N, C-alpha and C. Protein backbone atom coordinates (compact mmCIF):
# COMPACT_ATOMS: atom_id res chain seq x y z
N MET A 1 126.86 44.54 111.08
CA MET A 1 125.55 44.34 111.86
C MET A 1 124.84 43.30 111.25
N HIS A 2 125.33 42.60 110.31
CA HIS A 2 124.34 41.39 110.01
C HIS A 2 124.54 40.22 110.85
N ASP A 3 125.51 40.25 111.80
CA ASP A 3 125.67 39.05 113.02
C ASP A 3 124.38 38.98 113.31
N PHE A 4 123.50 39.92 113.65
CA PHE A 4 122.41 39.66 114.47
C PHE A 4 121.17 39.14 113.47
N ILE A 5 121.32 39.15 112.45
CA ILE A 5 120.50 38.43 111.52
C ILE A 5 120.65 37.03 111.54
N SER A 6 122.25 36.74 111.39
CA SER A 6 122.49 35.45 111.43
C SER A 6 122.10 34.76 112.79
N TYR A 7 122.22 35.38 113.75
CA TYR A 7 121.81 34.98 115.14
C TYR A 7 120.25 34.64 115.14
N ALA A 8 119.59 35.66 114.85
CA ALA A 8 118.36 35.45 114.76
C ALA A 8 117.70 34.30 113.84
N ASN A 9 118.32 34.04 112.77
CA ASN A 9 117.98 32.83 111.87
C ASN A 9 118.12 31.55 112.67
N LYS A 10 119.32 31.45 113.32
CA LYS A 10 119.99 30.23 113.78
C LYS A 10 119.11 29.89 115.12
N HIS A 11 118.62 31.04 115.78
CA HIS A 11 117.66 30.69 117.15
C HIS A 11 116.08 30.78 116.75
N GLY A 12 115.69 30.90 115.41
CA GLY A 12 114.28 30.92 115.31
C GLY A 12 113.53 32.01 115.48
N ILE A 13 114.34 33.32 115.46
CA ILE A 13 113.78 34.59 115.86
C ILE A 13 113.15 35.28 114.54
N LYS A 14 112.00 35.57 114.29
CA LYS A 14 111.51 36.22 113.26
C LYS A 14 111.81 37.76 113.21
N LEU A 15 112.55 38.49 112.46
CA LEU A 15 112.83 39.91 112.73
C LEU A 15 112.03 40.50 111.60
N LEU A 16 111.13 41.41 112.27
CA LEU A 16 110.11 42.35 111.55
C LEU A 16 110.89 43.52 110.59
N LYS A 17 110.57 43.40 109.80
CA LYS A 17 111.15 44.63 108.76
C LYS A 17 110.25 45.87 108.60
N GLU A 18 109.02 45.78 109.14
CA GLU A 18 108.16 46.98 109.19
C GLU A 18 107.45 47.21 110.52
N GLY A 19 107.16 48.25 110.83
CA GLY A 19 106.45 48.77 111.85
C GLY A 19 107.69 49.26 112.97
N PRO A 20 107.17 49.46 114.27
CA PRO A 20 107.92 49.41 115.24
C PRO A 20 108.80 48.45 115.81
N CYS A 21 110.05 48.82 116.51
CA CYS A 21 110.91 47.77 116.49
C CYS A 21 110.50 46.71 117.81
N GLN A 22 110.21 45.45 117.27
CA GLN A 22 109.91 44.33 118.31
C GLN A 22 110.54 44.12 119.53
N PHE A 23 111.57 44.72 119.70
CA PHE A 23 112.49 44.62 120.93
C PHE A 23 112.47 45.85 121.81
N CYS A 24 112.82 47.04 121.48
CA CYS A 24 112.95 48.30 122.22
C CYS A 24 111.85 49.20 122.11
N GLY A 25 110.90 48.78 121.12
CA GLY A 25 109.57 49.53 121.05
C GLY A 25 109.69 50.92 120.31
N ALA A 26 110.95 51.19 119.56
CA ALA A 26 111.21 52.38 118.84
C ALA A 26 110.14 52.64 117.88
N LYS A 27 109.69 53.86 117.84
CA LYS A 27 108.77 54.32 116.77
C LYS A 27 109.18 54.43 115.53
N VAL A 28 109.75 53.40 114.76
CA VAL A 28 110.22 53.41 113.53
C VAL A 28 109.42 52.64 112.49
N SER A 29 109.36 52.82 111.35
CA SER A 29 108.69 52.22 110.38
C SER A 29 109.43 50.84 109.73
N GLY A 30 110.79 50.76 110.06
CA GLY A 30 111.43 49.44 109.46
C GLY A 30 111.85 48.64 110.54
N GLY A 31 111.28 48.49 111.73
CA GLY A 31 111.56 47.43 112.40
C GLY A 31 113.01 47.51 113.14
N VAL A 32 113.50 46.45 113.70
CA VAL A 32 114.75 46.38 114.11
C VAL A 32 115.84 46.74 113.31
N PHE A 33 115.61 46.49 111.94
CA PHE A 33 116.67 46.89 110.88
C PHE A 33 116.90 48.63 111.12
N GLU A 34 115.85 49.18 111.15
CA GLU A 34 116.01 50.61 111.32
C GLU A 34 116.63 51.11 112.63
N CYS A 35 116.52 50.34 113.50
CA CYS A 35 117.16 50.71 114.88
C CYS A 35 118.65 50.55 114.75
N HIS A 36 119.01 49.36 114.05
CA HIS A 36 120.54 49.34 113.79
C HIS A 36 121.02 50.49 112.86
N GLU A 37 120.37 50.79 112.01
CA GLU A 37 120.73 51.84 110.91
C GLU A 37 120.81 53.18 111.52
N ASN A 38 119.83 53.31 112.65
CA ASN A 38 119.97 54.60 113.22
C ASN A 38 121.39 54.79 114.03
N VAL A 39 121.78 53.72 114.54
CA VAL A 39 122.88 54.08 115.27
C VAL A 39 124.28 54.46 114.66
N HIS A 40 123.98 54.16 113.21
CA HIS A 40 125.13 54.62 112.34
C HIS A 40 125.17 55.96 112.12
N HIS A 41 124.29 56.70 112.59
CA HIS A 41 124.21 58.25 112.49
C HIS A 41 125.13 58.73 113.16
N LEU A 42 125.58 58.04 114.38
CA LEU A 42 126.66 58.57 115.34
C LEU A 42 127.91 58.82 114.65
N SER A 43 128.15 57.88 113.63
CA SER A 43 129.63 57.73 113.07
C SER A 43 129.76 59.06 112.05
N VAL A 44 128.71 59.81 111.70
CA VAL A 44 128.85 60.96 110.98
C VAL A 44 129.21 61.91 112.06
N ILE A 45 128.71 61.90 113.05
CA ILE A 45 129.04 62.99 114.12
C ILE A 45 130.27 62.87 115.16
N LEU A 46 130.55 61.40 115.39
CA LEU A 46 131.50 61.23 116.35
C LEU A 46 132.67 60.66 115.77
N ASP A 47 133.85 60.94 116.07
CA ASP A 47 134.97 60.35 115.50
C ASP A 47 135.52 59.32 116.67
N PHE A 48 134.99 58.12 116.45
CA PHE A 48 135.36 56.84 117.34
C PHE A 48 136.70 56.48 117.29
N THR A 49 137.59 57.05 116.74
CA THR A 49 139.21 56.89 116.60
C THR A 49 139.57 58.01 117.72
N ASN A 50 138.94 59.07 118.02
CA ASN A 50 139.30 59.97 119.03
C ASN A 50 138.98 59.57 120.39
N PRO A 51 140.07 59.41 121.25
CA PRO A 51 140.20 59.05 122.62
C PRO A 51 139.00 59.66 123.42
N LYS A 52 138.58 61.06 123.07
CA LYS A 52 137.43 61.58 123.67
C LYS A 52 136.24 60.89 123.61
N HIS A 53 136.00 60.34 122.36
CA HIS A 53 134.87 59.58 122.13
C HIS A 53 134.59 58.12 122.35
N TYR A 54 135.76 57.52 122.91
CA TYR A 54 135.81 56.13 123.24
C TYR A 54 134.71 55.68 123.94
N GLU A 55 134.41 56.36 125.35
CA GLU A 55 133.32 55.85 126.29
C GLU A 55 132.00 56.03 125.45
N SER A 56 131.67 57.07 124.59
CA SER A 56 130.55 57.14 124.10
C SER A 56 130.14 55.88 122.93
N ARG A 57 131.44 55.49 122.27
CA ARG A 57 131.00 54.18 121.45
C ARG A 57 130.78 53.04 122.27
N PHE A 58 131.19 52.85 123.62
CA PHE A 58 130.66 51.59 124.42
C PHE A 58 129.37 51.85 124.95
N LEU A 59 129.16 53.17 125.32
CA LEU A 59 127.64 53.24 125.55
C LEU A 59 126.76 52.96 124.75
N SER A 60 127.03 53.26 123.37
CA SER A 60 126.08 53.12 122.21
C SER A 60 126.16 51.45 121.95
N VAL A 61 127.06 50.85 122.08
CA VAL A 61 127.05 49.45 121.97
C VAL A 61 126.31 48.59 123.00
N ASP A 62 126.54 49.07 124.39
CA ASP A 62 125.83 48.55 125.40
C ASP A 62 124.34 48.74 125.25
N ALA A 63 124.10 49.93 124.95
CA ALA A 63 122.78 50.23 125.01
C ALA A 63 121.84 49.70 123.99
N LEU A 64 122.52 49.81 122.81
CA LEU A 64 121.99 49.00 121.68
C LEU A 64 121.66 47.52 122.13
N ALA A 65 122.70 46.77 122.48
CA ALA A 65 122.72 45.27 122.80
C ALA A 65 121.81 45.02 123.83
N LEU A 66 121.66 45.79 125.03
CA LEU A 66 120.62 45.30 125.96
C LEU A 66 119.16 45.81 125.79
N GLN A 67 119.04 46.87 124.75
CA GLN A 67 117.59 46.81 124.21
C GLN A 67 117.31 45.74 123.19
N HIS A 68 118.06 45.40 122.57
CA HIS A 68 117.78 44.24 121.66
C HIS A 68 118.60 42.82 121.89
N CYS A 69 118.64 42.39 123.29
CA CYS A 69 119.40 41.48 123.90
C CYS A 69 118.87 40.04 123.30
N GLU A 70 117.95 39.84 122.82
CA GLU A 70 117.40 38.56 122.06
C GLU A 70 118.28 38.36 121.00
N LEU A 71 118.99 39.23 120.26
CA LEU A 71 119.88 39.10 119.22
C LEU A 71 121.43 38.83 119.38
N HIS A 72 121.77 38.36 120.52
CA HIS A 72 123.12 37.89 120.77
C HIS A 72 123.17 36.81 122.05
N GLY A 73 124.17 36.17 122.32
CA GLY A 73 124.19 35.36 123.13
C GLY A 73 123.88 35.71 124.86
N PRO A 74 123.44 34.86 125.55
CA PRO A 74 122.96 35.36 126.99
C PRO A 74 123.97 35.89 127.73
N TRP A 75 125.25 35.46 127.46
CA TRP A 75 126.55 35.89 128.24
C TRP A 75 126.77 37.30 127.89
N ASN A 76 126.69 37.95 126.71
CA ASN A 76 126.62 39.11 126.21
C ASN A 76 125.88 40.15 127.06
N ASN A 77 124.70 39.79 127.88
CA ASN A 77 124.37 40.75 128.57
C ASN A 77 124.92 40.91 129.77
N HIS A 78 125.79 40.00 130.27
CA HIS A 78 126.57 40.11 131.34
C HIS A 78 127.65 41.24 131.10
N ILE A 79 128.15 40.88 129.96
CA ILE A 79 129.50 41.99 129.76
C ILE A 79 128.84 43.49 129.45
N HIS A 80 127.68 43.77 128.82
CA HIS A 80 127.37 45.00 128.69
C HIS A 80 126.91 45.65 129.91
N LEU A 81 126.01 44.80 130.47
CA LEU A 81 125.58 45.41 131.77
C LEU A 81 126.47 45.67 132.74
N THR A 82 127.60 44.83 132.94
CA THR A 82 128.71 44.98 133.73
C THR A 82 129.61 46.23 133.58
N ARG A 83 129.43 46.36 132.20
CA ARG A 83 130.28 47.61 131.57
C ARG A 83 129.64 49.08 132.12
N LEU A 84 128.20 48.79 131.72
CA LEU A 84 127.58 50.27 132.28
C LEU A 84 127.79 50.08 133.49
N PHE A 85 127.54 49.29 134.44
CA PHE A 85 127.71 49.27 135.78
C PHE A 85 129.10 49.88 136.36
N LEU A 86 130.02 49.57 135.68
CA LEU A 86 131.40 49.91 136.09
C LEU A 86 131.64 51.56 135.60
N ILE A 87 130.93 51.97 134.59
CA ILE A 87 130.86 53.36 133.92
C ILE A 87 130.24 54.17 134.92
N PHE A 88 128.69 53.66 135.26
CA PHE A 88 127.79 54.66 135.90
C PHE A 88 127.93 54.59 137.49
N GLU A 89 128.32 53.37 138.07
CA GLU A 89 128.29 53.11 139.38
C GLU A 89 129.64 53.45 140.12
N ASN A 90 130.82 52.95 139.20
CA ASN A 90 132.03 52.93 139.78
C ASN A 90 132.89 54.18 139.06
N GLY A 91 132.48 54.90 138.01
CA GLY A 91 132.99 56.05 137.50
C GLY A 91 134.28 55.63 136.78
N VAL A 92 134.33 54.39 136.14
CA VAL A 92 135.49 53.83 135.46
C VAL A 92 135.27 54.54 133.93
N ALA A 93 136.55 55.07 133.75
CA ALA A 93 136.57 55.76 132.19
C ALA A 93 136.92 54.64 131.24
N TRP A 94 135.98 54.48 130.56
CA TRP A 94 136.11 53.09 129.62
C TRP A 94 137.01 53.28 128.46
N ASP A 95 137.88 52.55 127.98
CA ASP A 95 138.78 52.70 126.68
C ASP A 95 138.68 51.16 126.12
N TYR A 96 139.32 51.02 124.81
CA TYR A 96 139.46 49.85 124.16
C TYR A 96 140.35 48.93 124.95
N SER A 97 141.25 49.08 125.91
CA SER A 97 141.92 48.20 126.58
C SER A 97 141.26 47.50 127.50
N LYS A 98 140.10 47.93 128.20
CA LYS A 98 139.54 47.27 129.21
C LYS A 98 138.55 46.36 128.93
N THR A 99 137.97 46.46 127.62
CA THR A 99 137.12 45.21 127.21
C THR A 99 137.49 44.01 127.27
N PRO A 100 138.76 43.54 126.68
CA PRO A 100 139.15 42.46 126.75
C PRO A 100 139.61 42.00 128.08
N GLN A 101 139.89 42.85 129.06
CA GLN A 101 140.01 42.32 130.56
C GLN A 101 138.89 42.21 131.11
N LEU A 102 137.61 42.99 130.94
CA LEU A 102 136.28 42.53 131.19
C LEU A 102 135.74 41.17 130.71
N SER A 103 136.24 40.87 129.39
CA SER A 103 135.75 39.54 128.82
C SER A 103 136.69 38.55 129.62
N ASN A 104 137.79 38.78 129.89
CA ASN A 104 138.63 37.53 130.78
C ASN A 104 137.96 37.44 132.23
N VAL A 105 137.28 38.48 132.75
CA VAL A 105 136.70 38.30 134.19
C VAL A 105 135.43 37.80 133.97
N ILE A 106 134.84 37.89 132.94
CA ILE A 106 133.39 37.30 132.45
C ILE A 106 133.73 35.84 132.23
N ASN A 107 134.62 35.42 131.54
CA ASN A 107 135.00 33.92 131.21
C ASN A 107 135.21 33.30 132.33
N GLU A 108 136.04 34.01 133.38
CA GLU A 108 136.32 33.18 134.56
C GLU A 108 135.17 33.07 135.52
N TYR A 109 134.37 34.09 135.60
CA TYR A 109 132.96 34.18 136.40
C TYR A 109 131.91 33.02 135.66
N LYS A 110 132.09 32.63 134.61
CA LYS A 110 130.73 31.91 134.01
C LYS A 110 131.42 30.48 134.01
N ARG A 111 132.74 30.29 134.48
CA ARG A 111 133.07 28.75 134.22
C ARG A 111 132.31 27.75 134.63
N ASN A 112 131.74 27.75 135.84
CA ASN A 112 131.07 26.83 136.37
C ASN A 112 129.54 27.14 136.63
N ARG A 113 128.89 28.15 135.80
CA ARG A 113 127.69 28.81 135.93
C ARG A 113 126.91 28.73 134.36
N SER A 114 125.71 28.41 134.71
CA SER A 114 124.86 28.53 133.71
C SER A 114 123.77 29.45 133.53
N GLU A 115 123.81 30.52 134.34
CA GLU A 115 122.79 31.56 134.36
C GLU A 115 122.65 32.45 133.19
N SER A 116 121.46 33.17 133.23
CA SER A 116 121.61 34.09 132.37
C SER A 116 120.59 35.10 132.85
N LEU A 117 120.60 36.38 132.45
CA LEU A 117 120.09 37.53 133.01
C LEU A 117 118.82 38.03 132.20
N THR A 118 117.69 37.77 132.76
CA THR A 118 116.45 37.84 132.22
C THR A 118 116.18 39.42 132.00
N PRO A 119 116.10 39.77 130.85
CA PRO A 119 115.76 41.26 130.46
C PRO A 119 114.27 41.66 130.83
N PRO A 120 114.39 42.94 131.05
CA PRO A 120 112.85 43.32 130.99
C PRO A 120 111.94 43.06 129.80
N PRO A 121 110.80 43.00 129.91
CA PRO A 121 110.00 42.73 128.71
C PRO A 121 110.40 43.64 127.42
N ALA A 122 110.31 43.15 126.39
CA ALA A 122 110.42 43.80 125.01
C ALA A 122 109.63 45.21 125.25
N GLY A 123 110.04 46.33 124.76
CA GLY A 123 109.31 47.50 124.80
C GLY A 123 109.44 48.39 126.07
N GLN A 124 109.98 47.65 126.99
CA GLN A 124 110.21 48.20 128.43
C GLN A 124 111.78 48.31 128.87
N ARG A 125 112.63 48.55 127.92
CA ARG A 125 113.85 48.56 128.26
C ARG A 125 114.67 50.15 128.22
N GLY A 126 113.78 51.15 128.38
CA GLY A 126 114.21 52.34 128.36
C GLY A 126 113.21 53.20 127.49
N LYS A 127 113.04 54.35 127.79
CA LYS A 127 112.15 55.29 126.89
C LYS A 127 113.13 55.87 125.72
N THR A 128 114.31 56.00 126.11
CA THR A 128 115.25 56.42 124.81
C THR A 128 115.34 55.43 123.98
N THR A 129 115.45 55.59 122.77
CA THR A 129 115.73 54.38 121.78
C THR A 129 116.62 55.07 120.51
N THR A 130 116.92 54.22 119.69
CA THR A 130 117.95 54.87 118.64
C THR A 130 117.21 55.90 117.67
N GLN A 131 115.86 55.97 117.94
CA GLN A 131 115.18 56.88 117.12
C GLN A 131 115.59 58.36 117.71
N ASP A 132 115.73 58.37 119.04
CA ASP A 132 116.21 59.72 119.55
C ASP A 132 117.59 60.09 119.11
N LEU A 133 118.40 59.04 118.58
CA LEU A 133 119.85 59.64 118.25
C LEU A 133 119.71 60.37 116.99
N LEU A 134 118.80 60.35 116.21
CA LEU A 134 118.53 61.01 115.06
C LEU A 134 118.54 62.46 115.28
N GLN A 135 118.09 62.96 116.54
CA GLN A 135 117.93 64.31 116.76
C GLN A 135 119.20 65.14 117.16
N VAL A 136 120.40 64.29 117.22
CA VAL A 136 121.57 65.01 117.71
C VAL A 136 122.31 65.44 116.35
N VAL A 137 122.88 66.69 116.61
CA VAL A 137 123.68 67.27 115.20
C VAL A 137 125.04 67.68 115.67
N SER A 138 125.53 67.45 116.94
CA SER A 138 126.79 68.03 117.15
C SER A 138 127.31 67.03 118.02
N ALA A 139 128.76 66.98 118.23
CA ALA A 139 129.49 65.73 119.01
C ALA A 139 128.90 65.89 120.43
N ASP A 140 128.91 67.27 121.00
CA ASP A 140 128.40 67.45 122.49
C ASP A 140 127.08 66.89 122.59
N ASP A 141 126.28 67.18 121.75
CA ASP A 141 124.74 66.63 121.85
C ASP A 141 124.79 65.04 121.70
N ALA A 142 125.47 64.56 120.71
CA ALA A 142 125.71 63.09 120.68
C ALA A 142 126.18 62.51 122.04
N ILE A 143 127.29 63.01 122.64
CA ILE A 143 127.87 62.40 123.73
C ILE A 143 126.70 62.48 124.98
N ALA A 144 126.01 63.58 125.07
CA ALA A 144 124.82 63.65 126.16
C ALA A 144 123.82 62.55 125.76
N LYS A 145 123.45 62.60 124.63
CA LYS A 145 122.18 61.62 124.36
C LYS A 145 122.82 60.25 124.68
N LEU A 146 123.93 59.77 124.30
CA LEU A 146 124.37 58.56 124.41
C LEU A 146 124.49 58.32 125.82
N ARG A 147 124.92 59.15 126.79
CA ARG A 147 124.91 58.90 128.33
C ARG A 147 123.44 58.74 128.77
N GLU A 148 122.75 59.46 128.17
CA GLU A 148 121.19 59.53 128.62
C GLU A 148 120.54 58.23 128.15
N TRP A 149 120.80 57.71 126.93
CA TRP A 149 120.17 56.47 126.52
C TRP A 149 120.71 55.36 127.15
N ALA A 150 122.05 55.21 127.46
CA ALA A 150 122.98 54.15 127.93
C ALA A 150 122.10 54.15 129.51
N LYS A 151 122.29 55.25 130.07
CA LYS A 151 121.77 55.24 131.69
C LYS A 151 120.38 54.80 131.88
N ASP A 152 119.37 55.31 130.80
CA ASP A 152 118.17 54.96 130.64
C ASP A 152 117.89 53.34 130.76
N VAL A 153 118.71 52.68 129.69
CA VAL A 153 118.72 51.15 129.48
C VAL A 153 119.14 50.53 130.86
N PHE A 154 120.09 51.09 131.34
CA PHE A 154 120.90 50.53 132.38
C PHE A 154 119.79 50.57 133.60
N ASP A 155 119.38 51.62 133.77
CA ASP A 155 118.27 51.52 135.18
C ASP A 155 117.12 50.56 134.98
N THR A 156 116.71 50.26 133.46
CA THR A 156 115.84 49.34 133.55
C THR A 156 116.19 47.90 133.89
N PHE A 157 117.63 47.70 133.89
CA PHE A 157 118.12 46.50 134.27
C PHE A 157 118.21 46.55 135.72
N LYS A 158 117.60 47.16 136.68
CA LYS A 158 118.21 47.14 137.95
C LYS A 158 117.79 46.02 138.74
N ASP A 159 117.06 45.37 138.49
CA ASP A 159 116.92 43.98 139.07
C ASP A 159 118.20 43.04 139.21
N HIS A 160 119.02 43.51 138.06
CA HIS A 160 120.40 42.71 138.01
C HIS A 160 121.72 43.56 138.50
N HIS A 161 121.42 44.69 138.98
CA HIS A 161 122.56 45.46 139.48
C HIS A 161 123.47 44.86 140.33
N ALA A 162 122.80 44.29 141.48
CA ALA A 162 123.30 43.75 142.69
C ALA A 162 124.22 42.41 141.94
N HIS A 163 123.81 41.62 141.15
CA HIS A 163 124.36 40.57 140.36
C HIS A 163 125.52 41.02 139.71
N VAL A 164 125.54 41.98 138.80
CA VAL A 164 126.80 42.33 138.15
C VAL A 164 127.70 43.26 138.87
N SER A 165 127.20 43.70 139.90
CA SER A 165 128.27 44.44 140.91
C SER A 165 129.39 43.42 141.23
N SER A 166 128.75 42.17 141.51
CA SER A 166 129.99 41.05 142.13
C SER A 166 130.88 40.91 140.91
N ILE A 167 130.43 41.01 139.63
CA ILE A 167 131.34 40.91 138.59
C ILE A 167 132.36 42.08 138.39
N ALA A 168 131.75 43.29 138.56
CA ALA A 168 132.48 44.55 138.53
C ALA A 168 133.42 44.52 139.82
N LYS A 169 133.06 43.97 140.60
CA LYS A 169 134.11 44.00 141.95
C LYS A 169 135.30 43.07 141.44
N MET A 170 134.94 42.06 140.97
CA MET A 170 136.06 41.04 140.49
C MET A 170 136.92 41.83 139.45
N TYR A 171 136.28 42.72 138.57
CA TYR A 171 137.23 43.26 137.44
C TYR A 171 138.15 44.27 138.33
N MET A 172 137.32 44.88 139.01
CA MET A 172 138.32 46.22 139.77
C MET A 172 139.19 45.67 140.63
N ASN A 173 139.05 44.56 141.54
CA ASN A 173 140.09 43.88 142.14
C ASN A 173 141.25 43.45 141.16
N ARG A 174 140.97 42.51 140.26
CA ARG A 174 141.93 42.16 139.27
C ARG A 174 143.04 43.07 138.79
N TYR A 175 142.26 44.27 138.41
CA TYR A 175 143.14 45.36 137.60
C TYR A 175 143.46 46.44 138.44
N GLY A 176 143.41 46.43 139.60
CA GLY A 176 143.71 47.50 140.81
C GLY A 176 142.80 48.86 140.60
N LEU A 177 141.42 48.74 140.15
CA LEU A 177 140.75 49.96 140.08
C LEU A 177 140.21 50.47 141.32
N GLN A 178 139.99 49.36 142.30
CA GLN A 178 139.16 49.73 143.45
C GLN A 178 140.03 50.90 144.19
N LYS A 179 141.45 50.68 144.08
CA LYS A 179 142.16 51.48 144.85
C LYS A 179 142.15 53.04 144.29
N ILE A 180 142.16 53.15 143.04
CA ILE A 180 141.81 54.30 142.27
C ILE A 180 140.63 55.09 142.76
N ILE A 181 139.45 54.25 142.71
CA ILE A 181 138.28 54.98 142.91
C ILE A 181 138.22 55.27 144.36
N ASP A 182 138.84 54.38 145.36
CA ASP A 182 138.55 54.71 146.80
C ASP A 182 139.60 56.10 146.94
N ASN A 183 140.73 56.24 146.32
CA ASN A 183 141.38 57.33 146.45
C ASN A 183 140.71 58.80 145.82
N ASN A 184 140.15 58.68 144.83
CA ASN A 184 139.29 59.63 144.31
C ASN A 184 138.17 60.02 145.17
N LYS A 185 137.29 59.07 145.85
CA LYS A 185 136.34 59.31 146.74
C LYS A 185 136.99 60.16 148.02
N GLN A 186 138.21 60.02 148.53
CA GLN A 186 138.72 60.67 149.55
C GLN A 186 139.10 62.09 149.33
N ASN A 187 139.60 62.39 147.91
CA ASN A 187 139.81 63.62 147.53
C ASN A 187 138.78 64.53 147.38
């Protein structure tokens, strides 16, 4: 988690250690540092080596990254938002094998592009924050809260859904997922 500190230092972003989170607006006392610590609460409840919890792991990574998107490279927003699009809009069951595939598609997509996805203003990237994760006490509660959090964040990036849908389509066409989804819709 210290990668975000290095990134911030390199890009002249002053990270606040006190008060609410400067990025997501969470009502914490330790700023963005506390937001990142709050996510660790999930590892006490969920076994991320259990395939049943894989998707929850990715939902938490994507929600955290998009709510704090100043703390990583601009192309990361594409991968996090596209993955959420694939999960929520296309019903793709995410696992570890799919992330390198999506990275390959993003790398191909960005070859001759220099765009970035402008995030919603800080503090307006979803009502659910890492602070809400501290309320969960069971694996089922954690899975439900993570879906809620990720969907909430995903919805705040709605201005970019049409954009990432083209990347999602590239992914699904390359890896044969469109046929699977079309077959599921027919049944």
